PDB file of N, CA and C in Angstrom:
ATOM      1  N   MET A   1       0.848  -1.173   0.000  1.00  0.00           N
ATOM      2  CA  MET A   1       0.000   0.000   0.000  1.00  0.00           C
ATOM      3  C   MET A   1       0.891   1.232   0.000  1.00  0.00           C
ATOM      4  N   GLU A   2       0.637   2.063  -0.975  1.00  0.00           N
ATOM      5  CA  GLU A   2       1.400   3.294  -1.078  1.00  0.00           C
ATOM      6  C   GLU A   2       0.598   4.447  -0.497  1.00  0.00           C
ATOM      7  N   PHE A   3       1.286   5.511  -0.177  1.00  0.00           N
ATOM      8  CA  PHE A   3       0.624   6.684   0.371  1.00  0.00           C
ATOM      9  C   PHE A   3       0.868   7.915  -0.486  1.00  0.00           C
ATOM     10  N   THR A   4       1.061   7.711  -1.786  1.00  0.00           N
ATOM     11  CA  THR A   4       1.218   8.843  -2.691  1.00  0.00           C
ATOM     12  C   THR A   4      -0.154   9.373  -3.065  1.00  0.00           C
ATOM     13  N   LEU A   5      -0.183  10.552  -3.649  1.00  0.00           N
ATOM     14  CA  LEU A   5      -1.450  11.160  -4.041  1.00  0.00           C
ATOM     15  C   LEU A   5      -2.152  10.355  -5.124  1.00  0.00           C
ATOM     16  N   VAL A   6      -1.388   9.843  -6.059  1.00  0.00           N
ATOM     17  CA  VAL A   6      -1.972   9.022  -7.130  1.00  0.00           C
ATOM     18  C   VAL A   6      -2.598   7.756  -6.548  1.00  0.00           C
ATOM     19  N   ALA A   7      -1.957   7.171  -5.558  1.00  0.00           N
ATOM     20  CA  ALA A   7      -2.508   5.966  -4.929  1.00  0.00           C
ATOM     21  C   ALA A   7      -3.809   6.284  -4.199  1.00  0.00           C
ATOM     22  N   TRP A   8      -3.877   7.417  -3.509  1.00  0.00           N
ATOM     23  CA  TRP A   8      -5.099   7.780  -2.800  1.00  0.00           C
ATOM     24  C   TRP A   8      -6.244   8.095  -3.759  1.00  0.00           C
ATOM     25  N   VAL A   9      -5.924   8.649  -4.919  1.00  0.00           N
ATOM     26  CA  VAL A   9      -6.951   8.861  -5.937  1.00  0.00           C
ATOM     27  C   VAL A   9      -7.506   7.507  -6.395  1.00  0.00           C
ATOM     28  N   THR A  10      -6.620   6.562  -6.609  1.00  0.00           N
ATOM     29  CA  THR A  10      -7.046   5.222  -7.013  1.00  0.00           C
ATOM     30  C   THR A  10      -7.874   4.556  -5.923  1.00  0.00           C
ATOM     31  N   TYR A  11      -7.444   4.673  -4.665  1.00  0.00           N
ATOM     32  CA  TYR A  11      -8.194   4.066  -3.561  1.00  0.00           C
ATOM     33  C   TYR A  11      -9.578   4.693  -3.424  1.00  0.00           C
ATOM     34  N   THR A  12      -9.672   5.996  -3.654  1.00  0.00           N
ATOM     35  CA  THR A  12     -10.976   6.658  -3.573  1.00  0.00           C
ATOM     36  C   THR A  12     -11.919   6.137  -4.649  1.00  0.00           C
ATOM     37  N   MET A  13     -11.412   5.996  -5.864  1.00  0.00           N
ATOM     38  CA  MET A  13     -12.264   5.489  -6.946  1.00  0.00           C
ATOM     39  C   MET A  13     -12.645   4.035  -6.699  1.00  0.00           C
ATOM     40  N   TRP A  14     -11.733   3.241  -6.170  1.00  0.00           N
ATOM     41  CA  TRP A  14     -12.067   1.860  -5.809  1.00  0.00           C
ATOM     42  C   TRP A  14     -13.166   1.825  -4.752  1.00  0.00           C
ATOM     43  N   ALA A  15     -13.075   2.709  -3.773  1.00  0.00           N
ATOM     44  CA  ALA A  15     -14.081   2.738  -2.714  1.00  0.00           C
ATOM     45  C   ALA A  15     -15.440   3.134  -3.270  1.00  0.00           C
ATOM     46  N   VAL A  16     -15.481   4.120  -4.157  1.00  0.00           N
ATOM     47  CA  VAL A  16     -16.745   4.539  -4.758  1.00  0.00           C
ATOM     48  C   VAL A  16     -17.370   3.380  -5.536  1.00  0.00           C
ATOM     49  N   LEU A  17     -16.597   2.747  -6.386  1.00  0.00           N
ATOM     50  CA  LEU A  17     -17.132   1.631  -7.163  1.00  0.00           C
ATOM     51  C   LEU A  17     -17.451   0.426  -6.285  1.00  0.00           C
ATOM     52  N   GLY A  18     -16.666   0.198  -5.239  1.00  0.00           N
ATOM     53  CA  GLY A  18     -16.932  -0.907  -4.318  1.00  0.00           C
ATOM     54  C   GLY A  18     -18.232  -0.726  -3.570  1.00  0.00           C
ATOM     55  N   PHE A  19     -18.503   0.503  -3.111  1.00  0.00           N
ATOM     56  CA  PHE A  19     -19.773   0.741  -2.416  1.00  0.00           C
ATOM     57  C   PHE A  19     -20.952   0.695  -3.376  1.00  0.00           C
ATOM     58  N   MET A  20     -20.733   1.041  -4.640  1.00  0.00           N
ATOM     59  CA  MET A  20     -21.801   0.869  -5.626  1.00  0.00           C
ATOM     60  C   MET A  20     -22.139  -0.615  -5.786  1.00  0.00           C
ATOM     61  N   ILE A  21     -21.117  -1.448  -5.815  1.00  0.00           N
ATOM     62  CA  ILE A  21     -21.342  -2.894  -5.937  1.00  0.00           C
ATOM     63  C   ILE A  21     -22.022  -3.439  -4.684  1.00  0.00           C
ATOM     64  N   LEU A  22     -21.594  -2.994  -3.505  1.00  0.00           N
ATOM     65  CA  LEU A  22     -22.256  -3.440  -2.272  1.00  0.00           C
ATOM     66  C   LEU A  22     -23.718  -3.023  -2.233  1.00  0.00           C
ATOM     67  N   ASP A  23     -24.005  -1.806  -2.678  1.00  0.00           N
ATOM     68  CA  ASP A  23     -25.386  -1.346  -2.718  1.00  0.00           C
ATOM     69  C   ASP A  23     -26.212  -2.200  -3.668  1.00  0.00           C
ATOM     70  N   PHE A  24     -25.646  -2.522  -4.815  1.00  0.00           N
ATOM     71  CA  PHE A  24     -26.358  -3.386  -5.757  1.00  0.00           C
ATOM     72  C   PHE A  24     -26.601  -4.770  -5.160  1.00  0.00           C
ATOM     73  N   LEU A  25     -25.592  -5.333  -4.506  1.00  0.00           N
ATOM     74  CA  LEU A  25     -25.754  -6.676  -3.937  1.00  0.00           C
ATOM     75  C   LEU A  25     -26.770  -6.704  -2.804  1.00  0.00           C
ATOM     76  N   THR A  26     -26.811  -5.646  -1.979  1.00  0.00           N
ATOM     77  CA  THR A  26     -27.799  -5.622  -0.901  1.00  0.00           C
ATOM     78  C   THR A  26     -29.212  -5.474  -1.445  1.00  0.00           C
ATOM     79  N   ALA A  27     -29.368  -4.971  -2.659  1.00  0.00           N
ATOM     80  CA  ALA A  27     -30.692  -4.910  -3.282  1.00  0.00           C
ATOM     81  C   ALA A  27     -30.994  -6.182  -4.062  1.00  0.00           C
ATOM     82  N   PHE A  28     -29.971  -6.755  -4.676  1.00  0.00           N
ATOM     83  CA  PHE A  28     -30.180  -7.900  -5.564  1.00  0.00           C
ATOM     84  C   PHE A  28     -30.427  -9.202  -4.806  1.00  0.00           C
ATOM     85  N   ILE A  29     -29.656  -9.470  -3.766  1.00  0.00           N
ATOM     86  CA  ILE A  29     -29.729 -10.769  -3.089  1.00  0.00           C
ATOM     87  C   ILE A  29     -31.095 -11.026  -2.458  1.00  0.00           C
ATOM     88  N   PRO A  30     -31.677 -10.074  -1.691  1.00  0.00           N
ATOM     89  CA  PRO A  30     -33.022 -10.376  -1.154  1.00  0.00           C
ATOM     90  C   PRO A  30     -34.084 -10.553  -2.238  1.00  0.00           C
ATOM     91  N   SER A  31     -34.010  -9.744  -3.298  1.00  0.00           N
ATOM     92  CA  SER A  31     -35.005  -9.906  -4.359  1.00  0.00           C
ATOM     93  C   SER A  31     -34.799 -11.218  -5.111  1.00  0.00           C
ATOM     94  N   PHE A  32     -33.565 -11.677  -5.204  1.00  0.00           N
ATOM     95  CA  PHE A  32     -33.300 -12.960  -5.859  1.00  0.00           C
ATOM     96  C   PHE A  32     -33.892 -14.104  -5.056  1.00  0.00           C
ATOM     97  N   TRP A  33     -33.722 -14.070  -3.735  1.00  0.00           N
ATOM     98  CA  TRP A  33     -34.226 -15.162  -2.914  1.00  0.00           C
ATOM     99  C   TRP A  33     -35.743 -15.126  -2.784  1.00  0.00           C
ATOM    100  N   LYS A  34     -36.355 -13.935  -2.908  1.00  0.00           N
ATOM    101  CA  LYS A  34     -37.815 -13.858  -2.891  1.00  0.00           C
ATOM    102  C   LYS A  34     -38.411 -14.251  -4.238  1.00  0.00           C
ATOM    103  N   GLY A  35     -37.607 -14.232  -5.280  1.00  0.00           N
ATOM    104  CA  GLY A  35     -38.091 -14.564  -6.606  1.00  0.00           C
ATOM    105  C   GLY A  35     -38.686 -13.392  -7.347  1.00  0.00           C
ATOM    106  N   THR A  36     -38.513 -12.182  -6.844  1.00  0.00           N
ATOM    107  CA  THR A  36     -39.103 -11.024  -7.502  1.00  0.00           C
ATOM    108  C   THR A  36     -38.189 -10.443  -8.572  1.00  0.00           C
ATOM    109  N   PHE A  37     -36.929 -10.339  -8.292  1.00  0.00           N
ATOM    110  CA  PHE A  37     -35.908  -9.825  -9.220  1.00  0.00           C
ATOM    111  C   PHE A  37     -36.369  -8.522  -9.859  1.00  0.00           C
ATOM    112  N   ASP A  38     -36.673  -7.524  -9.036  1.00  0.00           N
ATOM    113  CA  ASP A  38     -37.137  -6.239  -9.548  1.00  0.00           C
ATOM    114  C   ASP A  38     -36.030  -5.182  -9.598  1.00  0.00           C
ATOM    115  N   THR A  39     -34.799  -5.563  -9.371  1.00  0.00           N
ATOM    116  CA  THR A  39     -33.698  -4.621  -9.430  1.00  0.00           C
ATOM    117  C   THR A  39     -33.308  -4.398 -10.886  1.00  0.00           C
ATOM    118  N   THR A  40     -33.315  -3.151 -11.296  1.00  0.00           N
ATOM    119  CA  THR A  40     -32.907  -2.832 -12.659  1.00  0.00           C
ATOM    120  C   THR A  40     -31.523  -2.217 -12.631  1.00  0.00           C
ATOM    121  N   PHE A  41     -30.852  -2.272 -13.743  1.00  0.00           N
ATOM    122  CA  PHE A  41     -29.501  -1.722 -13.850  1.00  0.00           C
ATOM    123  C   PHE A  41     -29.517  -0.246 -14.214  1.00  0.00           C
ATOM    124  N   LEU A  42     -30.668   0.280 -14.584  1.00  0.00           N
ATOM    125  CA  LEU A  42     -30.719   1.663 -15.041  1.00  0.00           C
ATOM    126  C   LEU A  42     -30.350   2.649 -13.944  1.00  0.00           C
ATOM    127  N   SER A  43     -30.745   2.391 -12.722  1.00  0.00           N
ATOM    128  CA  SER A  43     -30.398   3.321 -11.652  1.00  0.00           C
ATOM    129  C   SER A  43     -28.893   3.313 -11.380  1.00  0.00           C
ATOM    130  N   TYR A  44     -28.247   2.173 -11.539  1.00  0.00           N
ATOM    131  CA  TYR A  44     -26.800   2.109 -11.324  1.00  0.00           C
ATOM    132  C   TYR A  44     -26.031   2.731 -12.488  1.00  0.00           C
ATOM    133  N   LEU A  45     -26.569   2.611 -13.691  1.00  0.00           N
ATOM    134  CA  LEU A  45     -25.962   3.302 -14.821  1.00  0.00           C
ATOM    135  C   LEU A  45     -26.102   4.810 -14.662  1.00  0.00           C
ATOM    136  N   LYS A  46     -27.251   5.248 -14.135  1.00  0.00           N
ATOM    137  CA  LYS A  46     -27.458   6.668 -13.862  1.00  0.00           C
ATOM    138  C   LYS A  46     -26.485   7.150 -12.793  1.00  0.00           C
ATOM    139  N   ASP A  47     -26.257   6.334 -11.776  1.00  0.00           N
ATOM    140  CA  ASP A  47     -25.311   6.712 -10.726  1.00  0.00           C
ATOM    141  C   ASP A  47     -23.888   6.825 -11.260  1.00  0.00           C
ATOM    142  N   ILE A  48     -23.531   5.939 -12.183  1.00  0.00           N
ATOM    143  CA  ILE A  48     -22.207   6.061 -12.796  1.00  0.00           C
ATOM    144  C   ILE A  48     -22.119   7.361 -13.580  1.00  0.00           C
ATOM    145  N   LEU A  49     -23.192   7.703 -14.281  1.00  0.00           N
ATOM    146  CA  LEU A  49     -23.199   8.931 -15.062  1.00  0.00           C
ATOM    147  C   LEU A  49     -23.190  10.170 -14.168  1.00  0.00           C
ATOM    148  N   TYR A  50     -23.889  10.133 -13.039  1.00  0.00           N
ATOM    149  CA  TYR A  50     -23.995  11.306 -12.172  1.00  0.00           C
ATOM    150  C   TYR A  50     -22.871  11.424 -11.152  1.00  0.00           C
ATOM    151  N   TYR A  51     -22.246  10.317 -10.753  1.00  0.00           N
ATOM    152  CA  TYR A  51     -21.251  10.363  -9.685  1.00  0.00           C
ATOM    153  C   TYR A  51     -19.836  10.040 -10.148  1.00  0.00           C
ATOM    154  N   VAL A  52     -19.661   8.971 -10.914  1.00  0.00           N
ATOM    155  CA  VAL A  52     -18.316   8.535 -11.288  1.00  0.00           C
ATOM    156  C   VAL A  52     -17.756   9.388 -12.430  1.00  0.00           C
ATOM    157  N   LEU A  53     -18.567   9.666 -13.427  1.00  0.00           N
ATOM    158  CA  LEU A  53     -18.101  10.459 -14.559  1.00  0.00           C
ATOM    159  C   LEU A  53     -17.647  11.864 -14.152  1.00  0.00           C
ATOM    160  N   PRO A  54     -18.383  12.588 -13.282  1.00  0.00           N
ATOM    161  CA  PRO A  54     -17.860  13.886 -12.846  1.00  0.00           C
ATOM    162  C   PRO A  54     -16.545  13.784 -12.069  1.00  0.00           C
ATOM    163  N   LEU A  55     -16.376  12.714 -11.298  1.00  0.00           N
ATOM    164  CA  LEU A  55     -15.097  12.541 -10.603  1.00  0.00           C
ATOM    165  C   LEU A  55     -13.962  12.337 -11.601  1.00  0.00           C
ATOM    166  N   ASN A  56     -14.216  11.576 -12.649  1.00  0.00           N
ATOM    167  CA  ASN A  56     -13.198  11.405 -13.691  1.00  0.00           C
ATOM    168  C   ASN A  56     -12.952  12.705 -14.445  1.00  0.00           C
ATOM    169  N   PHE A  57     -13.985  13.486 -14.644  1.00  0.00           N
ATOM    170  CA  PHE A  57     -13.830  14.782 -15.302  1.00  0.00           C
ATOM    171  C   PHE A  57     -12.973  15.727 -14.453  1.00  0.00           C
ATOM    172  N   ILE A  58     -13.201  15.718 -13.153  1.00  0.00           N
ATOM    173  CA  ILE A  58     -12.368  16.537 -12.250  1.00  0.00           C
ATOM    174  C   ILE A  58     -10.917  16.084 -12.326  1.00  0.00           C
ATOM    175  N   LEU A  59     -10.695  14.788 -12.378  1.00  0.00           N
ATOM    176  CA  LEU A  59      -9.315  14.285 -12.496  1.00  0.00           C
ATOM    177  C   LEU A  59      -8.656  14.723 -13.793  1.00  0.00           C
ATOM    178  N   SER A  60      -9.432  14.770 -14.867  1.00  0.00           N
ATOM    179  CA  SER A  60      -8.847  15.166 -16.144  1.00  0.00           C
ATOM    180  C   SER A  60      -8.527  16.657 -16.192  1.00  0.00           C
ATOM    181  N   MET A  61      -9.146  17.457 -15.333  1.00  0.00           N
ATOM    182  CA  MET A  61      -8.891  18.899 -15.313  1.00  0.00           C
ATOM    183  C   MET A  61      -7.768  19.310 -14.370  1.00  0.00           C
ATOM    184  N   ILE A  62      -7.211  18.389 -13.607  1.00  0.00           N
ATOM    185  CA  ILE A  62      -6.156  18.719 -12.646  1.00  0.00           C
ATOM    186  C   ILE A  62      -4.933  19.356 -13.315  1.00  0.00           C
ATOM    187  N   PRO A  63      -4.498  18.921 -14.496  1.00  0.00           N
ATOM    188  CA  PRO A  63      -3.322  19.572 -15.096  1.00  0.00           C
ATOM    189  C   PRO A  63      -3.503  21.056 -15.414  1.00  0.00           C
ATOM    190  N   ILE A  64      -4.743  21.531 -15.595  1.00  0.00           N
ATOM    191  CA  ILE A  64      -4.929  22.954 -15.891  1.00  0.00           C
ATOM    192  C   ILE A  64      -5.282  23.770 -14.659  1.00  0.00           C
ATOM    193  N   ASP A  65      -5.269  23.172 -13.490  1.00  0.00           N
ATOM    194  CA  ASP A  65      -5.563  23.873 -12.244  1.00  0.00           C
ATOM    195  C   ASP A  65      -4.335  24.691 -11.839  1.00  0.00           C
ATOM    196  N   PRO A  66      -4.457  26.015 -11.747  1.00  0.00           N
ATOM    197  CA  PRO A  66      -3.287  26.827 -11.397  1.00  0.00           C
ATOM    198  C   PRO A  66      -2.842  26.662  -9.940  1.00  0.00           C
ATOM    199  N   THR A  67      -3.756  26.302  -9.049  1.00  0.00           N
ATOM    200  CA  THR A  67      -3.370  26.154  -7.644  1.00  0.00           C
ATOM    201  C   THR A  67      -2.786  24.784  -7.350  1.00  0.00           C
ATOM    202  N   GLU A  68      -3.056  23.811  -8.204  1.00  0.00           N
ATOM    203  CA  GLU A  68      -2.562  22.442  -8.104  1.00  0.00           C
ATOM    204  C   GLU A  68      -3.131  21.645  -6.933  1.00  0.00           C
ATOM    205  N   TYR A  69      -4.082  22.196  -6.220  1.00  0.00           N
ATOM    206  CA  TYR A  69      -4.677  21.427  -5.126  1.00  0.00           C
ATOM    207  C   TYR A  69      -6.189  21.587  -5.046  1.00  0.00           C
ATOM    208  N   THR A  70      -6.764  22.594  -5.663  1.00  0.00           N
ATOM    209  CA  THR A  70      -8.197  22.848  -5.536  1.00  0.00           C
ATOM    210  C   THR A  70      -9.025  21.692  -6.091  1.00  0.00           C
ATOM    211  N   LEU A  71      -8.708  21.242  -7.282  1.00  0.00           N
ATOM    212  CA  LEU A  71      -9.485  20.151  -7.879  1.00  0.00           C
ATOM    213  C   LEU A  71      -9.209  18.821  -7.199  1.00  0.00           C
ATOM    214  N   ILE A  72      -8.027  18.651  -6.647  1.00  0.00           N
ATOM    215  CA  ILE A  72      -7.736  17.420  -5.913  1.00  0.00           C
ATOM    216  C   ILE A  72      -8.580  17.356  -4.647  1.00  0.00           C
ATOM    217  N   VAL A  73      -8.679  18.486  -3.943  1.00  0.00           N
ATOM    218  CA  VAL A  73      -9.529  18.543  -2.753  1.00  0.00           C
ATOM    219  C   VAL A  73     -10.989  18.324  -3.139  1.00  0.00           C
ATOM    220  N   LEU A  74     -11.407  18.939  -4.247  1.00  0.00           N
ATOM    221  CA  LEU A  74     -12.777  18.754  -4.715  1.00  0.00           C
ATOM    222  C   LEU A  74     -13.048  17.293  -5.076  1.00  0.00           C
ATOM    223  N   PHE A  75     -12.075  16.612  -5.680  1.00  0.00           N
ATOM    224  CA  PHE A  75     -12.220  15.197  -6.009  1.00  0.00           C
ATOM    225  C   PHE A  75     -12.410  14.358  -4.752  1.00  0.00           C
ATOM    226  N   PHE A  76     -11.572  14.592  -3.725  1.00  0.00           N
ATOM    227  CA  PHE A  76     -11.691  13.802  -2.506  1.00  0.00           C
ATOM    228  C   PHE A  76     -12.980  14.102  -1.753  1.00  0.00           C
ATOM    229  N   LEU A  77     -13.430  15.365  -1.761  1.00  0.00           N
ATOM    230  CA  LEU A  77     -14.717  15.686  -1.137  1.00  0.00           C
ATOM    231  C   LEU A  77     -15.870  15.025  -1.886  1.00  0.00           C
ATOM    232  N   GLY A  78     -15.808  15.050  -3.216  1.00  0.00           N
ATOM    233  CA  GLY A  78     -16.840  14.384  -4.005  1.00  0.00           C
ATOM    234  C   GLY A  78     -16.835  12.881  -3.792  1.00  0.00           C
ATOM    235  N   GLY A  79     -15.656  12.281  -3.749  1.00  0.00           N
ATOM    236  CA  GLY A  79     -15.567  10.849  -3.502  1.00  0.00           C
ATOM    237  C   GLY A  79     -16.084  10.471  -2.125  1.00  0.00           C
ATOM    238  N   ALA A  80     -15.749  11.273  -1.128  1.00  0.00           N
ATOM    239  CA  ALA A  80     -16.232  10.996   0.234  1.00  0.00           C
ATOM    240  C   ALA A  80     -17.747  11.150   0.323  1.00  0.00           C
ATOM    241  N   SER A  81     -18.305  12.127  -0.393  1.00  0.00           N
ATOM    242  CA  SER A  81     -19.754  12.301  -0.338  1.00  0.00           C
ATOM    243  C   SER A  81     -20.485  11.168  -1.058  1.00  0.00           C
ATOM    244  N   VAL A  82     -19.926  10.652  -2.143  1.00  0.00           N
ATOM    245  CA  VAL A  82     -20.539   9.507  -2.829  1.00  0.00           C
ATOM    246  C   VAL A  82     -20.469   8.265  -1.943  1.00  0.00           C
ATOM    247  N   ILE A  83     -19.340   8.062  -1.283  1.00  0.00           N
ATOM    248  CA  ILE A  83     -19.208   6.930  -0.358  1.00  0.00           C
ATOM    249  C   ILE A  83     -20.216   7.060   0.771  1.00  0.00           C
ATOM    250  N   PHE A  84     -20.378   8.271   1.314  1.00  0.00           N
ATOM    251  CA  PHE A  84     -21.341   8.510   2.391  1.00  0.00           C
ATOM    252  C   PHE A  84     -22.769   8.224   1.912  1.00  0.00           C
ATOM    253  N   LYS A  85     -23.086   8.624   0.680  1.00  0.00           N
ATOM    254  CA  LYS A  85     -24.416   8.368   0.135  1.00  0.00           C
ATOM    255  C   LYS A  85     -24.708   6.879   0.077  1.00  0.00           C
ATOM    256  N   TYR A  86     -23.748   6.100  -0.414  1.00  0.00           N
ATOM    257  CA  TYR A  86     -23.979   4.659  -0.528  1.00  0.00           C
ATOM    258  C   TYR A  86     -24.006   3.973   0.833  1.00  0.00           C
ATOM    259  N   VAL A  87     -23.213   4.430   1.771  1.00  0.00           N
ATOM    260  CA  VAL A  87     -23.270   3.864   3.127  1.00  0.00           C
ATOM    261  C   VAL A  87     -24.640   4.117   3.736  1.00  0.00           C
ATOM    262  N   MET A  88     -25.170   5.325   3.567  1.00  0.00           N
ATOM    263  CA  MET A  88     -26.490   5.627   4.112  1.00  0.00           C
ATOM    264  C   MET A  88     -27.589   4.833   3.391  1.00  0.00           C
ATOM    265  N   ASP A  89     -27.451   4.621   2.087  1.00  0.00           N
ATOM    266  CA  ASP A  89     -28.423   3.799   1.359  1.00  0.00           C
ATOM    267  C   ASP A  89     -28.406   2.352   1.841  1.00  0.00           C
ATOM    268  N   ILE A  90     -27.218   1.816   2.072  1.00  0.00           N
ATOM    269  CA  ILE A  90     -27.100   0.434   2.542  1.00  0.00           C
ATOM    270  C   ILE A  90     -27.666   0.300   3.950  1.00  0.00           C
ATOM    271  N   ILE A  91     -27.351   1.251   4.830  1.00  0.00           N
ATOM    272  CA  ILE A  91     -27.903   1.217   6.193  1.00  0.00           C
ATOM    273  C   ILE A  91     -29.419   1.334   6.155  1.00  0.00           C
ATOM    274  N   GLY A  92     -29.938   2.226   5.310  1.00  0.00           N
ATOM    275  CA  GLY A  92     -31.393   2.373   5.183  1.00  0.00           C
ATOM    276  C   GLY A  92     -32.065   1.117   4.676  1.00  0.00           C
ATOM    277  N   ARG A  93     -31.398   0.418   3.772  1.00  0.00           N
ATOM    278  CA  ARG A  93     -31.970  -0.828   3.255  1.00  0.00           C
ATOM    279  C   ARG A  93     -32.041  -1.892   4.354  1.00  0.00           C
ATOM    280  N   PHE A  94     -31.026  -1.960   5.214  1.00  0.00           N
ATOM    281  CA  PHE A  94     -31.063  -2.929   6.308  1.00  0.00           C
ATOM    282  C   PHE A  94     -32.087  -2.528   7.364  1.00  0.00           C
ATOM    283  N   LYS A  95     -32.277  -1.226   7.597  1.00  0.00           N
ATOM    284  CA  LYS A  95     -33.296  -0.786   8.556  1.00  0.00           C
ATOM    285  C   LYS A  95     -34.696  -1.128   8.065  1.00  0.00           C
ATOM    286  N   ARG A  96     -34.942  -0.938   6.762  1.00  0.00           N
ATOM    287  CA  ARG A  96     -36.251  -1.295   6.212  1.00  0.00           C
ATOM    288  C   ARG A  96     -36.494  -2.792   6.303  1.00  0.00           C
ATOM    289  N   ALA A  97     -35.441  -3.582   6.086  1.00  0.00           N
ATOM    290  CA  ALA A  97     -35.587  -5.036   6.164  1.00  0.00           C
ATOM    291  C   ALA A  97     -35.860  -5.468   7.604  1.00  0.00           C
ATOM    292  N   ALA A  98     -35.273  -4.779   8.567  1.00  0.00           N
ATOM    293  CA  ALA A  98     -35.487  -5.147   9.974  1.00  0.00           C
ATOM    294  C   ALA A  98     -36.876  -4.748  10.441  1.00  0.00           C
ATOM    295  N   GLU A  99     -37.455  -3.691   9.857  1.00  0.00           N
ATOM    296  CA  GLU A  99     -38.778  -3.237  10.272  1.00  0.00           C
ATOM    297  C   GLU A  99     -39.898  -4.084   9.679  1.00  0.00           C
ATOM    298  N   GLN A 100     -39.644  -4.763   8.562  1.00  0.00           N
ATOM    299  CA  GLN A 100     -40.671  -5.585   7.942  1.00  0.00           C
ATOM    300  C   GLN A 100     -40.874  -6.858   8.756  1.00  0.00           C
ATOM    301  N   PRO A 101     -42.111  -7.237   8.973  1.00  0.00           N
ATOM    302  CA  PRO A 101     -42.345  -8.499   9.691  1.00  0.00           C
ATOM    303  C   PRO A 101     -41.929  -9.696   8.846  1.00  0.00           C
ATOM    304  N   SER A 102     -41.351 -10.676   9.483  1.00  0.00           N
ATOM    305  CA  SER A 102     -40.916 -11.869   8.743  1.00  0.00           C
ATOM    306  C   SER A 102     -42.134 -12.723   8.414  1.00  0.00           C
ATOM    307  N   GLU A 103     -42.042 -13.395   7.284  1.00  0.00           N
ATOM    308  CA  GLU A 103     -43.197 -14.203   6.831  1.00  0.00           C
ATOM    309  C   GLU A 103     -43.087 -15.628   7.295  1.00  0.00           C
TER     310      GLU A 103
END
């Protein structure tokens, strides 16, 4: 494990995509076992378009940043907020499952 800036950018993107996968699995597995399979991929494609693509766009603009740190800070704040969003979605999904009466 490295602690360079490039490595932390990579770790942030891995975390964002990893939490997207965890969110998908927490939605997919219960619906698979119930036999409903109502999870669509369109919402996850939309999330990639709304969350991951802007982070990549910010990364591509770093070479033209005159301060050399503003867009990097913005990237890490954006990555942390996307991770926070998915953590809250996953926690909310488990809370809803706990509140439903078992059959």
